[in-house]
Amino acid sequence: MMVRIQVNQESCIGSGQCEMLEEETFVLDDDTGISQVVGTGLLPADRAEKVIDMCPGRAISLTET
C-alpha cells in the first residue's frame, strides 16, 4: 500500500536522516537546512513508517492520500 508523507518544517531539525533513507523523496534545502518532500511524496507504507520512526525531530508524518 502506498501512503503520502509530509514534513512539518517548523519541527524539522535538518539532521538529514530522511534524505539518507529516501533520497528520491526528501531533500534538505541548502539555504534553510530544512527537509522538503520532492515529487509526489508517495512511499510504500513500510518505508514511510521507517523514515517517520528515524526522524529525530518527529517532523515527518502521513497525510491524507
C-alpha atoms as a PDB file:
ATOM      1  CA  MET A   1       0.000   0.000   0.000  1.00  0.00           C
ATOM      2  CA  MET A   2       1.278   3.467  -0.884  1.00  0.00           C
ATOM      3  CA  VAL A   3       0.989   6.370   1.565  1.00  0.00           C
ATOM      4  CA  ARG A   4       1.750  10.077   1.249  1.00  0.00           C
ATOM      5  CA  ILE A   5       4.134  11.745   3.668  1.00  0.00           C
ATOM      6  CA  GLN A   6       4.739  15.347   4.652  1.00  0.00           C
ATOM      7  CA  VAL A   7       7.339  17.338   6.584  1.00  0.00           C
ATOM      8  CA  ASN A   8       6.419  19.797   9.309  1.00  0.00           C
ATOM      9  CA  GLN A   9       9.046  22.417   8.533  1.00  0.00           C
ATOM     10  CA  GLU A  10       8.679  24.029  11.968  1.00  0.00           C
ATOM     11  CA  SER A  11       9.661  20.745  13.656  1.00  0.00           C
ATOM     12  CA  CYS A  12      12.431  19.743  11.237  1.00  0.00           C
ATOM     13  CA  ILE A  13      15.916  19.999  12.765  1.00  0.00           C
ATOM     14  CA  GLY A  14      17.734  19.266   9.494  1.00  0.00           C
ATOM     15  CA  SER A  15      19.509  16.067  10.535  1.00  0.00           C
ATOM     16  CA  GLY A  16      19.212  14.591   7.037  1.00  0.00           C
ATOM     17  CA  GLN A  17      18.077  11.135   8.157  1.00  0.00           C
ATOM     18  CA  CYS A  18      15.107  11.289   5.795  1.00  0.00           C
ATOM     19  CA  GLU A  19      17.239  12.229   2.806  1.00  0.00           C
ATOM     20  CA  MET A  20      19.717   9.486   3.650  1.00  0.00           C
ATOM     21  CA  LEU A  21      16.941   6.870   3.855  1.00  0.00           C
ATOM     22  CA  GLU A  22      14.814   8.077   0.920  1.00  0.00           C
ATOM     23  CA  GLU A  23      16.957  10.283  -1.289  1.00  0.00           C
ATOM     24  CA  GLU A  24      14.378  10.383  -4.081  1.00  0.00           C
ATOM     25  CA  THR A  25      11.640  11.600  -1.717  1.00  0.00           C
ATOM     26  CA  PHE A  26      13.407  14.143   0.521  1.00  0.00           C
ATOM     27  CA  VAL A  27      15.911  16.920   0.028  1.00  0.00           C
ATOM     28  CA  LEU A  28      17.468  19.280   2.541  1.00  0.00           C
ATOM     29  CA  ASP A  29      17.200  22.886   1.391  1.00  0.00           C
ATOM     30  CA  ASP A  30      20.720  24.301   1.037  1.00  0.00           C
ATOM     31  CA  ASP A  31      19.686  27.716   2.385  1.00  0.00           C
ATOM     32  CA  THR A  32      17.446  26.764   5.304  1.00  0.00           C
ATOM     33  CA  GLY A  33      18.727  23.281   6.175  1.00  0.00           C
ATOM     34  CA  ILE A  34      15.115  22.135   6.395  1.00  0.00           C
ATOM     35  CA  SER A  35      13.830  18.990   4.703  1.00  0.00           C
ATOM     36  CA  GLN A  36      11.293  19.100   1.915  1.00  0.00           C
ATOM     37  CA  VAL A  37       9.315  16.398   0.147  1.00  0.00           C
ATOM     38  CA  VAL A  38      10.039  16.238  -3.562  1.00  0.00           C
ATOM     39  CA  GLY A  39       7.843  14.632  -6.174  1.00  0.00           C
ATOM     40  CA  THR A  40       4.596  13.004  -5.136  1.00  0.00           C
ATOM     41  CA  GLY A  41       5.603  12.188  -1.560  1.00  0.00           C
ATOM     42  CA  LEU A  42       4.299   8.660  -2.029  1.00  0.00           C
ATOM     43  CA  LEU A  43       6.127   5.761  -0.400  1.00  0.00           C
ATOM     44  CA  PRO A  44       5.279   2.146   0.367  1.00  0.00           C
ATOM     45  CA  ALA A  45       3.784   2.052   3.874  1.00  0.00           C
ATOM     46  CA  ASP A  46       6.669   0.064   5.383  1.00  0.00           C
ATOM     47  CA  ARG A  47       9.298   2.513   4.083  1.00  0.00           C
ATOM     48  CA  ALA A  48       7.217   5.505   5.210  1.00  0.00           C
ATOM     49  CA  GLU A  49       6.947   4.031   8.695  1.00  0.00           C
ATOM     50  CA  LYS A  50      10.723   3.570   8.860  1.00  0.00           C
ATOM     51  CA  VAL A  51      11.531   7.137   7.801  1.00  0.00           C
ATOM     52  CA  ILE A  52       8.921   8.510  10.241  1.00  0.00           C
ATOM     53  CA  ASP A  53      10.445   6.473  13.081  1.00  0.00           C
ATOM     54  CA  MET A  54      14.003   7.566  12.207  1.00  0.00           C
ATOM     55  CA  CYS A  55      13.258  11.315  12.175  1.00  0.00           C
ATOM     56  CA  PRO A  56      14.828  12.797  15.349  1.00  0.00           C
ATOM     57  CA  GLY A  57      12.668  15.936  15.141  1.00  0.00           C
ATOM     58  CA  ARG A  58       9.468  13.922  14.666  1.00  0.00           C
ATOM     59  CA  ALA A  59       8.754  16.218  11.716  1.00  0.00           C
ATOM     60  CA  ILE A  60       7.558  13.578   9.237  1.00  0.00           C
ATOM     61  CA  SER A  61       4.012  12.282   9.216  1.00  0.00           C
ATOM     62  CA  LEU A  62       1.428  10.660   6.992  1.00  0.00           C
ATOM     63  CA  THR A  63      -1.074  12.818   5.181  1.00  0.00           C
ATOM     64  CA  GLU A  64      -4.360  12.023   3.502  1.00  0.00           C
ATOM     65  CA  THR A  65      -3.985  10.266   0.144  1.00  0.00           C
END
